[in-house]
Amino acid sequence: MKKVALVILLVCFLLLNACSPAASTPTQAPEVMLAVLEETDVDILIQELTLDPAEVAIHVGTTVTWFNMDAARHTVTANAGEFESPILLFSDTFSVTFDEPGEYLYSNKYHPDIKGRIVVVP
């Protein structure tokens, strides 16, 4: 009899726990907020196969310049086609002035793991 009561108690506990709002609501990672840079010119370094910084938030009218500090060749290519650099060799630069608000995702044709994001706010 004690075993039956214990089993019923355990089943009730599991059912209550499974039906609680915390158990049924998926956990979502918090959205990363970027501080909006106030500069009108922002530099991004391509070095050691990374971007520094990889993500920036800027105001409309800001010019972003990428500097290739690697011996490897690179490109800066917007995923949606808004901009594309020529091949950047060591010490080459590429600049874009962002005149429209939005999120601009980009990558590197030669090194697809190098990805960046520009967030443009009014």
Foldseek 3Di string as FASTA:
>chain_A
DVVVVVVVVVVVVVVVVCPDPVNPDDDDDDDDDADEDADLEAEWECPPNEIVVQEHEYEQFRKYKYFYQDQDWWKKAWPVGPDIDDIDHHGDMDMDHHHDADKTKTAIPVRRVHIGIYGYHD
